[in-house]
Amino acid sequence: MSVRIRLKRVGAKNSPAYRVVVTHSKGPRDGKFIEEIGTYQPIKKENKFAINQERADYWLSKGAQPSETVASYLRRLKRVAGAA
């Protein structure tokens, strides 16, 4: 079974908040997950997302496939880390 890194919605109605989780690809969006590696809060003005880069790299090295949204956040994190 393949593993995905994707978003899990946890926010209230009209107040979205997401967790970045490692989960089985066939599982439901808000179902069980293997590990939580970050958060995404689109309502905030700054620091909308926080991802544990070490754990993300670990799961990517094990063959986990990120969703398009999570992949864009990971690229942005690497760009910011490279500039610092």
PDB file of N, CA and C in Angstrom:
ATOM      1  N   MET A   1       0.846  -1.180   0.000  1.00  0.00           N
ATOM      2  CA  MET A   1       0.000   0.000   0.000  1.00  0.00           C
ATOM      3  C   MET A   1       0.888   1.239   0.000  1.00  0.00           C
ATOM      4  N   SER A   2       0.551   2.207  -0.844  1.00  0.00           N
ATOM      5  CA  SER A   2       1.376   3.402  -0.929  1.00  0.00           C
ATOM      6  C   SER A   2       1.006   4.421   0.146  1.00  0.00           C
ATOM      7  N   VAL A   3       1.952   5.258   0.440  1.00  0.00           N
ATOM      8  CA  VAL A   3       1.803   6.253   1.504  1.00  0.00           C
ATOM      9  C   VAL A   3       1.804   7.634   0.874  1.00  0.00           C
ATOM     10  N   ARG A   4       0.922   8.504   1.353  1.00  0.00           N
ATOM     11  CA  ARG A   4       0.814   9.876   0.853  1.00  0.00           C
ATOM     12  C   ARG A   4       1.043  10.861   1.987  1.00  0.00           C
ATOM     13  N   ILE A   5       1.546  12.040   1.625  1.00  0.00           N
ATOM     14  CA  ILE A   5       1.620  13.168   2.551  1.00  0.00           C
ATOM     15  C   ILE A   5       0.579  14.151   2.056  1.00  0.00           C
ATOM     16  N   ARG A   6      -0.450  14.399   2.864  1.00  0.00           N
ATOM     17  CA  ARG A   6      -1.542  15.251   2.407  1.00  0.00           C
ATOM     18  C   ARG A   6      -2.160  16.014   3.572  1.00  0.00           C
ATOM     19  N   LEU A   7      -3.148  16.855   3.251  1.00  0.00           N
ATOM     20  CA  LEU A   7      -3.810  17.682   4.254  1.00  0.00           C
ATOM     21  C   LEU A   7      -5.023  16.964   4.829  1.00  0.00           C
ATOM     22  N   LYS A   8      -5.252  17.161   6.132  1.00  0.00           N
ATOM     23  CA  LYS A   8      -6.416  16.638   6.832  1.00  0.00           C
ATOM     24  C   LYS A   8      -7.138  17.831   7.447  1.00  0.00           C
ATOM     25  N   ARG A   9      -8.401  18.026   7.125  1.00  0.00           N
ATOM     26  CA  ARG A   9      -9.132  19.186   7.645  1.00  0.00           C
ATOM     27  C   ARG A   9      -9.560  18.950   9.083  1.00  0.00           C
ATOM     28  N   VAL A  10      -9.289  19.937   9.940  1.00  0.00           N
ATOM     29  CA  VAL A  10      -9.672  19.856  11.345  1.00  0.00           C
ATOM     30  C   VAL A  10     -10.402  21.105  11.812  1.00  0.00           C
ATOM     31  N   GLY A  11     -10.548  22.115  10.990  1.00  0.00           N
ATOM     32  CA  GLY A  11     -11.151  23.372  11.404  1.00  0.00           C
ATOM     33  C   GLY A  11     -12.661  23.319  11.469  1.00  0.00           C
ATOM     34  N   ALA A  12     -13.243  24.303  12.128  1.00  0.00           N
ATOM     35  CA  ALA A  12     -14.688  24.421  12.239  1.00  0.00           C
ATOM     36  C   ALA A  12     -15.269  24.975  10.937  1.00  0.00           C
ATOM     37  N   LYS A  13     -16.576  24.982  10.849  1.00  0.00           N
ATOM     38  CA  LYS A  13     -17.258  25.508   9.683  1.00  0.00           C
ATOM     39  C   LYS A  13     -16.877  26.976   9.471  1.00  0.00           C
ATOM     40  N   ASN A  14     -16.522  27.328   8.265  1.00  0.00           N
ATOM     41  CA  ASN A  14     -16.088  28.678   7.872  1.00  0.00           C
ATOM     42  C   ASN A  14     -14.812  29.132   8.570  1.00  0.00           C
ATOM     43  N   SER A  15     -14.086  28.237   9.155  1.00  0.00           N
ATOM     44  CA  SER A  15     -12.809  28.543   9.795  1.00  0.00           C
ATOM     45  C   SER A  15     -11.840  27.387   9.527  1.00  0.00           C
ATOM     46  N   PRO A  16     -11.346  27.276   8.296  1.00  0.00           N
ATOM     47  CA  PRO A  16     -10.532  26.107   7.951  1.00  0.00           C
ATOM     48  C   PRO A  16      -9.178  26.086   8.648  1.00  0.00           C
ATOM     49  N   ALA A  17      -8.771  24.892   9.017  1.00  0.00           N
ATOM     50  CA  ALA A  17      -7.434  24.619   9.538  1.00  0.00           C
ATOM     51  C   ALA A  17      -7.111  23.199   9.100  1.00  0.00           C
ATOM     52  N   TYR A  18      -5.866  22.963   8.777  1.00  0.00           N
ATOM     53  CA  TYR A  18      -5.471  21.657   8.252  1.00  0.00           C
ATOM     54  C   TYR A  18      -4.242  21.145   8.980  1.00  0.00           C
ATOM     55  N   ARG A  19      -4.105  19.826   9.016  1.00  0.00           N
ATOM     56  CA  ARG A  19      -2.894  19.189   9.497  1.00  0.00           C
ATOM     57  C   ARG A  19      -2.243  18.499   8.307  1.00  0.00           C
ATOM     58  N   VAL A  20      -0.931  18.559   8.244  1.00  0.00           N
ATOM     59  CA  VAL A  20      -0.188  17.845   7.216  1.00  0.00           C
ATOM     60  C   VAL A  20       0.128  16.484   7.811  1.00  0.00           C
ATOM     61  N   VAL A  21      -0.416  15.432   7.192  1.00  0.00           N
ATOM     62  CA  VAL A  21      -0.287  14.092   7.758  1.00  0.00           C
ATOM     63  C   VAL A  21       0.271  13.119   6.731  1.00  0.00           C
ATOM     64  N   VAL A  22       0.867  12.055   7.254  1.00  0.00           N
ATOM     65  CA  VAL A  22       1.311  10.925   6.448  1.00  0.00           C
ATOM     66  C   VAL A  22       0.260   9.847   6.630  1.00  0.00           C
ATOM     67  N   THR A  23      -0.323   9.382   5.531  1.00  0.00           N
ATOM     68  CA  THR A  23      -1.427   8.442   5.617  1.00  0.00           C
ATOM     69  C   THR A  23      -1.400   7.469   4.449  1.00  0.00           C
ATOM     70  N   HIS A  24      -2.200   6.418   4.534  1.00  0.00           N
ATOM     71  CA  HIS A  24      -2.332   5.489   3.421  1.00  0.00           C
ATOM     72  C   HIS A  24      -3.117   6.161   2.299  1.00  0.00           C
ATOM     73  N   SER A  25      -2.750   5.895   1.073  1.00  0.00           N
ATOM     74  CA  SER A  25      -3.355   6.595  -0.052  1.00  0.00           C
ATOM     75  C   SER A  25      -4.828   6.263  -0.242  1.00  0.00           C
ATOM     76  N   LYS A  26      -5.269   5.097   0.173  1.00  0.00           N
ATOM     77  CA  LYS A  26      -6.662   4.688  -0.031  1.00  0.00           C
ATOM     78  C   LYS A  26      -7.594   5.126   1.093  1.00  0.00           C
ATOM     79  N   GLY A  27      -7.048   5.677   2.178  1.00  0.00           N
ATOM     80  CA  GLY A  27      -7.860   6.084   3.317  1.00  0.00           C
ATOM     81  C   GLY A  27      -8.633   7.365   3.049  1.00  0.00           C
ATOM     82  N   PRO A  28      -9.677   7.638   3.850  1.00  0.00           N
ATOM     83  CA  PRO A  28     -10.443   8.873   3.692  1.00  0.00           C
ATOM     84  C   PRO A  28      -9.627  10.098   4.111  1.00  0.00           C
ATOM     85  N   ARG A  29     -10.035  11.265   3.613  1.00  0.00           N
ATOM     86  CA  ARG A  29      -9.302  12.514   3.875  1.00  0.00           C
ATOM     87  C   ARG A  29      -9.117  12.778   5.357  1.00  0.00           C
ATOM     88  N   ASP A  30     -10.172  12.599   6.140  1.00  0.00           N
ATOM     89  CA  ASP A  30     -10.113  12.919   7.571  1.00  0.00           C
ATOM     90  C   ASP A  30     -10.017  11.673   8.440  1.00  0.00           C
ATOM     91  N   GLY A  31      -9.565  10.569   7.880  1.00  0.00           N
ATOM     92  CA  GLY A  31      -9.498   9.315   8.626  1.00  0.00           C
ATOM     93  C   GLY A  31      -8.201   9.156   9.396  1.00  0.00           C
ATOM     94  N   LYS A  32      -7.874   7.891   9.705  1.00  0.00           N
ATOM     95  CA  LYS A  32      -6.660   7.590  10.453  1.00  0.00           C
ATOM     96  C   LYS A  32      -5.428   8.025   9.671  1.00  0.00           C
ATOM     97  N   PHE A  33      -4.374   8.322  10.409  1.00  0.00           N
ATOM     98  CA  PHE A  33      -3.118   8.705   9.773  1.00  0.00           C
ATOM     99  C   PHE A  33      -1.966   8.058  10.516  1.00  0.00           C
ATOM    100  N   ILE A  34      -0.814   8.007   9.862  1.00  0.00           N
ATOM    101  CA  ILE A  34       0.374   7.392  10.446  1.00  0.00           C
ATOM    102  C   ILE A  34       1.087   8.386  11.351  1.00  0.00           C
ATOM    103  N   GLU A  35       1.287   9.602  10.837  1.00  0.00           N
ATOM    104  CA  GLU A  35       2.016  10.616  11.608  1.00  0.00           C
ATOM    105  C   GLU A  35       1.602  12.012  11.161  1.00  0.00           C
ATOM    106  N   GLU A  36       1.508  12.928  12.108  1.00  0.00           N
ATOM    107  CA  GLU A  36       1.252  14.338  11.806  1.00  0.00           C
ATOM    108  C   GLU A  36       2.597  15.046  11.745  1.00  0.00           C
ATOM    109  N   ILE A  37       2.874  15.734  10.626  1.00  0.00           N
ATOM    110  CA  ILE A  37       4.174  16.384  10.484  1.00  0.00           C
ATOM    111  C   ILE A  37       4.089  17.892  10.345  1.00  0.00           C
ATOM    112  N   GLY A  38       2.868  18.459  10.373  1.00  0.00           N
ATOM    113  CA  GLY A  38       2.778  19.909  10.261  1.00  0.00           C
ATOM    114  C   GLY A  38       1.353  20.408  10.300  1.00  0.00           C
ATOM    115  N   THR A  39       1.215  21.736  10.131  1.00  0.00           N
ATOM    116  CA  THR A  39      -0.095  22.372  10.124  1.00  0.00           C
ATOM    117  C   THR A  39      -0.152  23.417   9.016  1.00  0.00           C
ATOM    118  N   TYR A  40      -1.385  23.743   8.618  1.00  0.00           N
ATOM    119  CA  TYR A  40      -1.626  24.800   7.638  1.00  0.00           C
ATOM    120  C   TYR A  40      -2.877  25.534   8.073  1.00  0.00           C
ATOM    121  N   GLN A  41      -2.760  26.851   8.267  1.00  0.00           N
ATOM    122  CA  GLN A  41      -3.882  27.681   8.693  1.00  0.00           C
ATOM    123  C   GLN A  41      -4.044  28.822   7.696  1.00  0.00           C
ATOM    124  N   PRO A  42      -4.919  28.659   6.702  1.00  0.00           N
ATOM    125  CA  PRO A  42      -5.039  29.655   5.637  1.00  0.00           C
ATOM    126  C   PRO A  42      -5.598  31.004   6.077  1.00  0.00           C
ATOM    127  N   ILE A  43      -6.239  31.086   7.226  1.00  0.00           N
ATOM    128  CA  ILE A  43      -6.823  32.342   7.695  1.00  0.00           C
ATOM    129  C   ILE A  43      -5.756  33.303   8.230  1.00  0.00           C
ATOM    130  N   LYS A  44      -4.668  32.777   8.763  1.00  0.00           N
ATOM    131  CA  LYS A  44      -3.620  33.615   9.340  1.00  0.00           C
ATOM    132  C   LYS A  44      -2.956  34.483   8.274  1.00  0.00           C
ATOM    133  N   LYS A  45      -2.490  35.642   8.680  1.00  0.00           N
ATOM    134  CA  LYS A  45      -1.823  36.562   7.759  1.00  0.00           C
ATOM    135  C   LYS A  45      -0.384  36.116   7.463  1.00  0.00           C
ATOM    136  N   GLU A  46       0.343  35.693   8.486  1.00  0.00           N
ATOM    137  CA  GLU A  46       1.733  35.258   8.321  1.00  0.00           C
ATOM    138  C   GLU A  46       1.907  33.880   8.932  1.00  0.00           C
ATOM    139  N   ASN A  47       2.967  33.203   8.543  1.00  0.00           N
ATOM    140  CA  ASN A  47       3.269  31.854   9.050  1.00  0.00           C
ATOM    141  C   ASN A  47       2.061  30.932   8.910  1.00  0.00           C
ATOM    142  N   LYS A  48       1.559  30.842   7.692  1.00  0.00           N
ATOM    143  CA  LYS A  48       0.374  30.030   7.442  1.00  0.00           C
ATOM    144  C   LYS A  48       0.635  28.543   7.604  1.00  0.00           C
ATOM    145  N   PHE A  49       1.841  28.102   7.290  1.00  0.00           N
ATOM    146  CA  PHE A  49       2.110  26.683   7.394  1.00  0.00           C
ATOM    147  C   PHE A  49       3.408  26.417   8.133  1.00  0.00           C
ATOM    148  N   ALA A  50       3.441  25.289   8.820  1.00  0.00           N
ATOM    149  CA  ALA A  50       4.626  24.852   9.550  1.00  0.00           C
ATOM    150  C   ALA A  50       4.751  23.348   9.338  1.00  0.00           C
ATOM    151  N   ILE A  51       5.880  22.932   8.769  1.00  0.00           N
ATOM    152  CA  ILE A  51       6.111  21.512   8.500  1.00  0.00           C
ATOM    153  C   ILE A  51       7.446  21.120   9.103  1.00  0.00           C
ATOM    154  N   ASN A  52       7.482  19.983   9.773  1.00  0.00           N
ATOM    155  CA  ASN A  52       8.716  19.436  10.316  1.00  0.00           C
ATOM    156  C   ASN A  52       9.513  18.878   9.137  1.00  0.00           C
ATOM    157  N   GLN A  53      10.516  19.626   8.689  1.00  0.00           N
ATOM    158  CA  GLN A  53      11.275  19.282   7.485  1.00  0.00           C
ATOM    159  C   GLN A  53      11.997  17.939   7.612  1.00  0.00           C
ATOM    160  N   GLU A  54      12.518  17.634   8.788  1.00  0.00           N
ATOM    161  CA  GLU A  54      13.221  16.358   8.980  1.00  0.00           C
ATOM    162  C   GLU A  54      12.303  15.175   8.755  1.00  0.00           C
ATOM    163  N   ARG A  55      11.100  15.222   9.337  1.00  0.00           N
ATOM    164  CA  ARG A  55      10.155  14.120   9.182  1.00  0.00           C
ATOM    165  C   ARG A  55       9.641  14.037   7.741  1.00  0.00           C
ATOM    166  N   ALA A  56       9.434  15.184   7.103  1.00  0.00           N
ATOM    167  CA  ALA A  56       8.995  15.169   5.711  1.00  0.00           C
ATOM    168  C   ALA A  56      10.061  14.529   4.826  1.00  0.00           C
ATOM    169  N   ASP A  57      11.328  14.888   5.034  1.00  0.00           N
ATOM    170  CA  ASP A  57      12.416  14.285   4.262  1.00  0.00           C
ATOM    171  C   ASP A  57      12.514  12.784   4.529  1.00  0.00           C
ATOM    172  N   TYR A  58      12.294  12.382   5.780  1.00  0.00           N
ATOM    173  CA  TYR A  58      12.333  10.962   6.120  1.00  0.00           C
ATOM    174  C   TYR A  58      11.264  10.200   5.329  1.00  0.00           C
ATOM    175  N   TRP A  59      10.028  10.702   5.346  1.00  0.00           N
ATOM    176  CA  TRP A  59       8.951  10.000   4.659  1.00  0.00           C
ATOM    177  C   TRP A  59       9.136  10.040   3.146  1.00  0.00           C
ATOM    178  N   LEU A  60       9.660  11.120   2.621  1.00  0.00           N
ATOM    179  CA  LEU A  60       9.930  11.174   1.181  1.00  0.00           C
ATOM    180  C   LEU A  60      11.002  10.162   0.792  1.00  0.00           C
ATOM    181  N   SER A  61      12.005   9.976   1.660  1.00  0.00           N
ATOM    182  CA  SER A  61      13.051   8.995   1.379  1.00  0.00           C
ATOM    183  C   SER A  61      12.511   7.569   1.439  1.00  0.00           C
ATOM    184  N   LYS A  62      11.438   7.354   2.203  1.00  0.00           N
ATOM    185  CA  LYS A  62      10.817   6.033   2.300  1.00  0.00           C
ATOM    186  C   LYS A  62       9.827   5.775   1.167  1.00  0.00           C
ATOM    187  N   GLY A  63       9.605   6.772   0.297  1.00  0.00           N
ATOM    188  CA  GLY A  63       8.742   6.576  -0.873  1.00  0.00           C
ATOM    189  C   GLY A  63       7.372   7.210  -0.781  1.00  0.00           C
ATOM    190  N   ALA A  64       7.114   8.028   0.220  1.00  0.00           N
ATOM    191  CA  ALA A  64       5.821   8.695   0.335  1.00  0.00           C
ATOM    192  C   ALA A  64       5.674   9.733  -0.778  1.00  0.00           C
ATOM    193  N   GLN A  65       4.476   9.825  -1.333  1.00  0.00           N
ATOM    194  CA  GLN A  65       4.199  10.779  -2.394  1.00  0.00           C
ATOM    195  C   GLN A  65       3.405  11.956  -1.831  1.00  0.00           C
ATOM    196  N   PRO A  66       3.888  13.193  -1.953  1.00  0.00           N
ATOM    197  CA  PRO A  66       3.127  14.338  -1.454  1.00  0.00           C
ATOM    198  C   PRO A  66       2.008  14.717  -2.419  1.00  0.00           C
ATOM    199  N   SER A  67       0.925  15.254  -1.891  1.00  0.00           N
ATOM    200  CA  SER A  67      -0.132  15.799  -2.747  1.00  0.00           C
ATOM    201  C   SER A  67       0.417  17.056  -3.417  1.00  0.00           C
ATOM    202  N   GLU A  68      -0.287  17.574  -4.411  1.00  0.00           N
ATOM    203  CA  GLU A  68       0.193  18.770  -5.115  1.00  0.00           C
ATOM    204  C   GLU A  68       0.354  19.951  -4.170  1.00  0.00           C
ATOM    205  N   THR A  69      -0.604  20.125  -3.278  1.00  0.00           N
ATOM    206  CA  THR A  69      -0.556  21.248  -2.343  1.00  0.00           C
ATOM    207  C   THR A  69       0.624  21.122  -1.385  1.00  0.00           C
ATOM    208  N   VAL A  70       0.799  19.955  -0.813  1.00  0.00           N
ATOM    209  CA  VAL A  70       1.898  19.740   0.129  1.00  0.00           C
ATOM    210  C   VAL A  70       3.238  19.850  -0.598  1.00  0.00           C
ATOM    211  N   ALA A  71       3.311  19.364  -1.830  1.00  0.00           N
ATOM    212  CA  ALA A  71       4.556  19.466  -2.597  1.00  0.00           C
ATOM    213  C   ALA A  71       4.939  20.931  -2.811  1.00  0.00           C
ATOM    214  N   SER A  72       3.948  21.787  -3.073  1.00  0.00           N
ATOM    215  CA  SER A  72       4.256  23.207  -3.263  1.00  0.00           C
ATOM    216  C   SER A  72       4.754  23.836  -1.962  1.00  0.00           C
ATOM    217  N   TYR A  73       4.189  23.433  -0.805  1.00  0.00           N
ATOM    218  CA  TYR A  73       4.647  23.950   0.477  1.00  0.00           C
ATOM    219  C   TYR A  73       6.062  23.475   0.778  1.00  0.00           C
ATOM    220  N   LEU A  74       6.365  22.235   0.448  1.00  0.00           N
ATOM    221  CA  LEU A  74       7.718  21.707   0.679  1.00  0.00           C
ATOM    222  C   LEU A  74       8.735  22.447  -0.188  1.00  0.00           C
ATOM    223  N   ARG A  75       8.380  22.735  -1.442  1.00  0.00           N
ATOM    224  CA  ARG A  75       9.283  23.507  -2.313  1.00  0.00           C
ATOM    225  C   ARG A  75       9.515  24.900  -1.734  1.00  0.00           C
ATOM    226  N   ARG A  76       8.451  25.519  -1.234  1.00  0.00           N
ATOM    227  CA  ARG A  76       8.564  26.863  -0.654  1.00  0.00           C
ATOM    228  C   ARG A  76       9.442  26.843   0.598  1.00  0.00           C
ATOM    229  N   LEU A  77       9.291  25.817   1.431  1.00  0.00           N
ATOM    230  CA  LEU A  77      10.137  25.694   2.621  1.00  0.00           C
ATOM    231  C   LEU A  77      11.600  25.543   2.257  1.00  0.00           C
ATOM    232  N   LYS A  78      11.900  24.735   1.242  1.00  0.00           N
ATOM    233  CA  LYS A  78      13.291  24.552   0.829  1.00  0.00           C
ATOM    234  C   LYS A  78      13.868  25.845   0.286  1.00  0.00           C
ATOM    235  N   ARG A  79      13.050  26.626  -0.433  1.00  0.00           N
ATOM    236  CA  ARG A  79      13.506  27.909  -0.958  1.00  0.00           C
ATOM    237  C   ARG A  79      13.829  28.877   0.175  1.00  0.00           C
ATOM    238  N   VAL A  80      12.955  28.918   1.188  1.00  0.00           N
ATOM    239  CA  VAL A  80      13.170  29.806   2.339  1.00  0.00           C
ATOM    240  C   VAL A  80      14.391  29.360   3.140  1.00  0.00           C
ATOM    241  N   ALA A  81      14.555  28.048   3.328  1.00  0.00           N
ATOM    242  CA  ALA A  81      15.693  27.533   4.077  1.00  0.00           C
ATOM    243  C   ALA A  81      17.000  27.783   3.329  1.00  0.00           C
ATOM    244  N   GLY A  82      16.954  27.713   2.011  1.00  0.00           N
ATOM    245  CA  GLY A  82      18.165  27.975   1.218  1.00  0.00           C
ATOM    246  C   GLY A  82      18.579  29.434   1.269  1.00  0.00           C
ATOM    247  N   ALA A  83      17.616  30.335   1.386  1.00  0.00           N
ATOM    248  CA  ALA A  83      17.906  31.765   1.457  1.00  0.00           C
ATOM    249  C   ALA A  83      18.443  32.174   2.825  1.00  0.00           C
ATOM    250  N   ALA A  84      18.093  31.423   3.847  1.00  0.00           N
ATOM    251  CA  ALA A  84      18.520  31.787   5.216  1.00  0.00           C
ATOM    252  C   ALA A  84      19.926  31.361   5.529  1.00  0.00           C
TER     253      ALA A  84
END
